[in-house]
């Protein structure tokens, strides 16, 4: 595989799960060129750098908490209605550049 992209929240449980997913890929002897970590729903001061290092994955960035997504979800709407200027969309574009470069 070209890349394993693991998405986690900033909690210790989430980061341990990310680490376990990476270890499982190794145990299954899956050939992966890039092993990447993205932290989702980040608020200021969330992700601990030491915990990210321990995952064995290359941290490439985060997706911030996005009020627009919360509103859409609470109202049962579709994420396809998310506006192009949403903070999460901007973050995803940057992450995409890092993943496919």
N, C-alpha and C. Protein backbone atom coordinates (compact mmCIF):
# COMPACT_ATOMS: atom_id res chain seq x y z
N UNK A 1 0.84 -1.18 0.00
CA UNK A 1 0.00 0.00 0.00
C UNK A 1 0.89 1.24 0.00
N UNK A 2 0.41 2.27 -0.62
CA UNK A 2 1.14 3.53 -0.67
C UNK A 2 1.19 4.17 0.71
N UNK A 3 0.02 4.22 1.39
CA UNK A 3 -0.03 4.91 2.68
C UNK A 3 -1.08 4.30 3.59
N UNK A 4 -0.77 4.31 4.87
CA UNK A 4 -1.74 4.01 5.92
C UNK A 4 -1.98 5.34 6.62
N UNK A 5 -3.21 5.83 6.55
CA UNK A 5 -3.56 7.08 7.21
C UNK A 5 -4.49 6.74 8.36
N UNK A 6 -4.02 6.96 9.57
CA UNK A 6 -4.81 6.66 10.77
C UNK A 6 -5.33 7.99 11.32
N UNK A 7 -6.64 8.05 11.50
CA UNK A 7 -7.29 9.24 12.05
C UNK A 7 -7.64 8.93 13.50
N UNK A 8 -7.25 9.83 14.39
CA UNK A 8 -7.51 9.66 15.83
C UNK A 8 -7.96 10.97 16.42
N UNK A 9 -8.61 10.89 17.56
CA UNK A 9 -8.80 12.12 18.32
C UNK A 9 -7.57 12.30 19.20
N UNK A 10 -7.55 13.35 19.98
CA UNK A 10 -6.34 13.67 20.75
C UNK A 10 -6.28 12.97 22.10
N UNK A 11 -7.24 12.10 22.38
CA UNK A 11 -7.24 11.41 23.67
C UNK A 11 -6.18 10.32 23.70
N UNK A 12 -5.75 9.96 24.89
CA UNK A 12 -4.77 8.89 25.04
C UNK A 12 -5.34 7.57 24.50
N UNK A 13 -6.61 7.32 24.72
CA UNK A 13 -7.25 6.10 24.20
C UNK A 13 -7.21 6.10 22.68
N UNK A 14 -7.53 7.24 22.07
CA UNK A 14 -7.50 7.33 20.61
C UNK A 14 -6.11 7.13 20.06
N UNK A 15 -5.12 7.74 20.70
CA UNK A 15 -3.74 7.60 20.23
C UNK A 15 -3.20 6.19 20.42
N UNK A 16 -3.61 5.53 21.49
CA UNK A 16 -3.22 4.13 21.68
C UNK A 16 -3.86 3.24 20.63
N UNK A 17 -5.09 3.55 20.25
CA UNK A 17 -5.76 2.80 19.18
C UNK A 17 -5.03 2.99 17.86
N UNK A 18 -4.58 4.21 17.59
CA UNK A 18 -3.81 4.49 16.38
C UNK A 18 -2.53 3.67 16.37
N UNK A 19 -1.86 3.63 17.51
CA UNK A 19 -0.63 2.84 17.65
C UNK A 19 -0.92 1.37 17.39
N UNK A 20 -2.03 0.88 17.91
CA UNK A 20 -2.40 -0.53 17.73
C UNK A 20 -2.71 -0.84 16.26
N UNK A 21 -3.38 0.09 15.58
CA UNK A 21 -3.66 -0.10 14.15
C UNK A 21 -2.37 -0.22 13.35
N UNK A 22 -1.40 0.61 13.68
CA UNK A 22 -0.10 0.57 13.02
C UNK A 22 0.59 -0.77 13.31
N UNK A 23 0.56 -1.20 14.56
CA UNK A 23 1.19 -2.47 14.94
C UNK A 23 0.51 -3.64 14.24
N UNK A 24 -0.80 -3.58 14.11
CA UNK A 24 -1.54 -4.65 13.44
C UNK A 24 -1.13 -4.75 11.97
N UNK A 25 -0.96 -3.61 11.32
CA UNK A 25 -0.51 -3.62 9.93
C UNK A 25 0.87 -4.28 9.82
N UNK A 26 1.74 -4.01 10.79
CA UNK A 26 3.06 -4.63 10.81
C UNK A 26 2.95 -6.14 11.04
N UNK A 27 2.11 -6.54 12.00
CA UNK A 27 1.93 -7.97 12.29
C UNK A 27 1.41 -8.73 11.08
N UNK A 28 0.55 -8.08 10.31
CA UNK A 28 -0.01 -8.71 9.11
C UNK A 28 0.94 -8.63 7.93
N UNK A 29 2.11 -8.03 8.16
CA UNK A 29 3.16 -7.89 7.16
C UNK A 29 2.66 -7.17 5.91
N UNK A 30 1.89 -6.12 6.13
CA UNK A 30 1.41 -5.30 5.02
C UNK A 30 2.51 -4.30 4.68
N UNK A 31 2.93 -4.31 3.45
CA UNK A 31 3.98 -3.39 3.00
C UNK A 31 3.37 -2.01 2.79
N UNK A 32 3.79 -1.06 3.60
CA UNK A 32 3.24 0.29 3.56
C UNK A 32 4.40 1.27 3.46
N UNK A 33 4.33 2.15 2.47
CA UNK A 33 5.41 3.12 2.27
C UNK A 33 5.37 4.24 3.30
N UNK A 34 4.18 4.78 3.56
CA UNK A 34 4.05 5.89 4.50
C UNK A 34 3.01 5.52 5.55
N UNK A 35 3.36 5.74 6.82
CA UNK A 35 2.44 5.49 7.94
C UNK A 35 2.17 6.84 8.59
N UNK A 36 0.95 7.33 8.43
CA UNK A 36 0.62 8.71 8.77
C UNK A 36 -0.46 8.81 9.84
N UNK A 37 -0.36 9.84 10.65
CA UNK A 37 -1.32 10.09 11.72
C UNK A 37 -1.94 11.47 11.55
N UNK A 38 -3.26 11.53 11.63
CA UNK A 38 -4.02 12.77 11.61
C UNK A 38 -4.85 12.81 12.88
N UNK A 39 -4.80 13.94 13.57
CA UNK A 39 -5.62 14.12 14.78
C UNK A 39 -6.86 14.92 14.40
N UNK A 40 -8.02 14.39 14.73
CA UNK A 40 -9.30 14.98 14.36
C UNK A 40 -9.94 15.72 15.54
N UNK A 41 -10.75 16.71 15.23
CA UNK A 41 -11.54 17.48 16.21
C UNK A 41 -10.65 18.13 17.27
N UNK A 42 -9.56 18.72 16.81
CA UNK A 42 -8.59 19.33 17.71
C UNK A 42 -9.08 20.69 18.18
N UNK A 43 -8.93 20.91 19.46
CA UNK A 43 -9.16 22.23 20.05
C UNK A 43 -7.82 22.72 20.57
N UNK A 44 -7.66 24.02 20.77
CA UNK A 44 -6.36 24.53 21.22
C UNK A 44 -5.82 23.78 22.45
N UNK A 45 -4.56 23.37 22.38
CA UNK A 45 -3.91 22.69 23.49
C UNK A 45 -4.18 21.20 23.58
N UNK A 46 -4.83 20.61 22.56
CA UNK A 46 -5.22 19.20 22.61
C UNK A 46 -4.08 18.20 22.52
N UNK A 47 -3.54 18.04 21.33
CA UNK A 47 -2.69 16.90 21.03
C UNK A 47 -1.31 17.01 21.70
N UNK A 48 -0.98 15.99 22.48
CA UNK A 48 0.30 15.91 23.19
C UNK A 48 1.37 15.36 22.25
N UNK A 49 2.43 16.11 22.05
CA UNK A 49 3.48 15.73 21.11
C UNK A 49 4.14 14.41 21.48
N UNK A 50 4.35 14.16 22.75
CA UNK A 50 5.00 12.91 23.17
C UNK A 50 4.13 11.71 22.83
N UNK A 51 2.84 11.82 23.06
CA UNK A 51 1.93 10.72 22.75
C UNK A 51 1.91 10.44 21.25
N UNK A 52 2.01 11.49 20.44
CA UNK A 52 2.02 11.31 18.99
C UNK A 52 3.29 10.59 18.55
N UNK A 53 4.42 10.91 19.17
CA UNK A 53 5.69 10.26 18.83
C UNK A 53 5.63 8.76 19.10
N UNK A 54 4.98 8.38 20.18
CA UNK A 54 4.92 6.98 20.58
C UNK A 54 4.09 6.12 19.65
N UNK A 55 3.31 6.72 18.79
CA UNK A 55 2.41 5.95 17.93
C UNK A 55 3.15 5.18 16.84
N UNK A 56 4.37 5.61 16.51
CA UNK A 56 5.10 4.98 15.41
C UNK A 56 4.64 5.47 14.05
N UNK A 57 3.76 6.45 14.05
CA UNK A 57 3.23 7.03 12.82
C UNK A 57 3.77 8.44 12.66
N UNK A 58 3.90 8.87 11.42
CA UNK A 58 4.34 10.24 11.16
C UNK A 58 3.15 11.18 11.29
N UNK A 59 3.22 12.07 12.25
CA UNK A 59 2.15 13.04 12.44
C UNK A 59 2.22 14.07 11.32
N UNK A 60 1.11 14.20 10.55
CA UNK A 60 1.13 15.13 9.42
C UNK A 60 0.20 16.33 9.61
N UNK A 61 -0.56 16.34 10.70
CA UNK A 61 -1.42 17.49 10.94
C UNK A 61 -2.71 17.13 11.62
N UNK A 62 -3.54 18.14 11.74
CA UNK A 62 -4.80 17.93 12.45
C UNK A 62 -5.95 18.59 11.71
N UNK A 63 -7.15 18.17 12.10
CA UNK A 63 -8.39 18.77 11.61
C UNK A 63 -9.04 19.41 12.83
N UNK A 64 -9.23 20.71 12.80
CA UNK A 64 -9.78 21.38 13.98
C UNK A 64 -11.26 21.08 14.18
N UNK A 65 -11.69 21.23 15.42
CA UNK A 65 -13.11 21.16 15.73
C UNK A 65 -13.81 22.18 14.83
N UNK A 66 -14.92 21.77 14.22
CA UNK A 66 -15.60 22.65 13.27
C UNK A 66 -17.06 22.79 13.65
N UNK A 67 -17.42 23.97 14.03
CA UNK A 67 -18.80 24.25 14.47
C UNK A 67 -19.81 23.97 13.35
N UNK A 68 -19.42 24.20 12.09
CA UNK A 68 -20.33 23.93 10.98
C UNK A 68 -20.69 22.45 10.91
N UNK A 69 -19.70 21.59 11.12
CA UNK A 69 -19.96 20.14 11.09
C UNK A 69 -20.89 19.75 12.24
N UNK A 70 -20.64 20.31 13.40
CA UNK A 70 -21.50 20.02 14.55
C UNK A 70 -22.94 20.43 14.28
N UNK A 71 -23.12 21.61 13.71
CA UNK A 71 -24.48 22.09 13.38
C UNK A 71 -25.16 21.16 12.39
N UNK A 72 -24.45 20.80 11.34
CA UNK A 72 -25.01 19.90 10.32
C UNK A 72 -25.40 18.57 10.95
N UNK A 73 -24.52 18.02 11.77
CA UNK A 73 -24.79 16.73 12.42
C UNK A 73 -25.98 16.80 13.36
N UNK A 74 -26.05 17.86 14.15
CA UNK A 74 -27.16 18.00 15.09
C UNK A 74 -28.50 18.12 14.39
N UNK A 75 -28.48 18.69 13.19
CA UNK A 75 -29.72 18.87 12.43
C UNK A 75 -30.01 17.74 11.45
N UNK A 76 -29.17 16.70 11.48
CA UNK A 76 -29.39 15.55 10.60
C UNK A 76 -29.11 15.84 9.14
N UNK A 77 -28.30 16.85 8.87
CA UNK A 77 -27.99 17.23 7.49
C UNK A 77 -26.85 16.43 6.91
N UNK A 78 -26.53 16.77 5.68
CA UNK A 78 -25.47 16.11 4.95
C UNK A 78 -24.20 16.95 5.00
N UNK A 79 -23.06 16.29 5.15
CA UNK A 79 -21.78 17.01 5.13
C UNK A 79 -21.49 17.60 3.75
N UNK A 80 -22.23 17.16 2.75
CA UNK A 80 -22.06 17.74 1.41
C UNK A 80 -22.50 19.20 1.38
N UNK A 81 -23.23 19.64 2.41
CA UNK A 81 -23.65 21.04 2.48
C UNK A 81 -22.62 21.92 3.19
N UNK A 82 -21.54 21.33 3.64
CA UNK A 82 -20.48 22.07 4.32
C UNK A 82 -19.90 23.12 3.37
N UNK A 83 -19.77 24.32 3.84
CA UNK A 83 -19.28 25.42 3.00
C UNK A 83 -17.79 25.28 2.73
N UNK A 84 -17.37 25.74 1.56
CA UNK A 84 -15.96 25.64 1.17
C UNK A 84 -15.02 26.40 2.08
N UNK A 85 -15.53 27.40 2.82
CA UNK A 85 -14.66 28.17 3.70
C UNK A 85 -14.57 27.58 5.12
N UNK A 86 -15.12 26.39 5.31
CA UNK A 86 -15.08 25.74 6.62
C UNK A 86 -13.63 25.45 7.02
N UNK A 87 -13.32 25.61 8.31
CA UNK A 87 -11.95 25.37 8.78
C UNK A 87 -11.52 23.93 8.54
N UNK A 88 -12.45 23.00 8.63
CA UNK A 88 -12.11 21.60 8.41
C UNK A 88 -11.74 21.34 6.95
N UNK A 89 -12.41 22.00 6.03
CA UNK A 89 -12.11 21.83 4.61
C UNK A 89 -10.70 22.34 4.31
N UNK A 90 -10.35 23.50 4.85
CA UNK A 90 -9.00 24.05 4.65
C UNK A 90 -7.94 23.08 5.19
N UNK A 91 -8.20 22.53 6.36
CA UNK A 91 -7.25 21.58 6.96
C UNK A 91 -7.13 20.31 6.10
N UNK A 92 -8.25 19.82 5.59
CA UNK A 92 -8.22 18.62 4.74
C UNK A 92 -7.44 18.86 3.46
N UNK A 93 -7.56 20.04 2.90
CA UNK A 93 -6.79 20.35 1.68
C UNK A 93 -5.28 20.28 1.97
N UNK A 94 -4.86 20.86 3.10
CA UNK A 94 -3.44 20.83 3.46
C UNK A 94 -2.97 19.40 3.72
N UNK A 95 -3.81 18.63 4.40
CA UNK A 95 -3.45 17.23 4.67
C UNK A 95 -3.34 16.44 3.39
N UNK A 96 -4.25 16.67 2.47
CA UNK A 96 -4.21 15.98 1.18
C UNK A 96 -2.91 16.23 0.45
N UNK A 97 -2.45 17.47 0.48
CA UNK A 97 -1.18 17.81 -0.16
C UNK A 97 -0.03 17.01 0.47
N UNK A 98 -0.06 16.85 1.78
CA UNK A 98 1.01 16.10 2.47
C UNK A 98 0.91 14.61 2.19
N UNK A 99 -0.29 14.11 2.11
CA UNK A 99 -0.47 12.66 1.89
C UNK A 99 -0.02 12.27 0.48
N UNK A 100 -0.41 13.06 -0.51
CA UNK A 100 -0.14 12.69 -1.91
C UNK A 100 1.13 13.29 -2.47
N UNK A 101 1.95 13.90 -1.64
CA UNK A 101 3.21 14.46 -2.15
C UNK A 101 4.34 13.46 -2.02
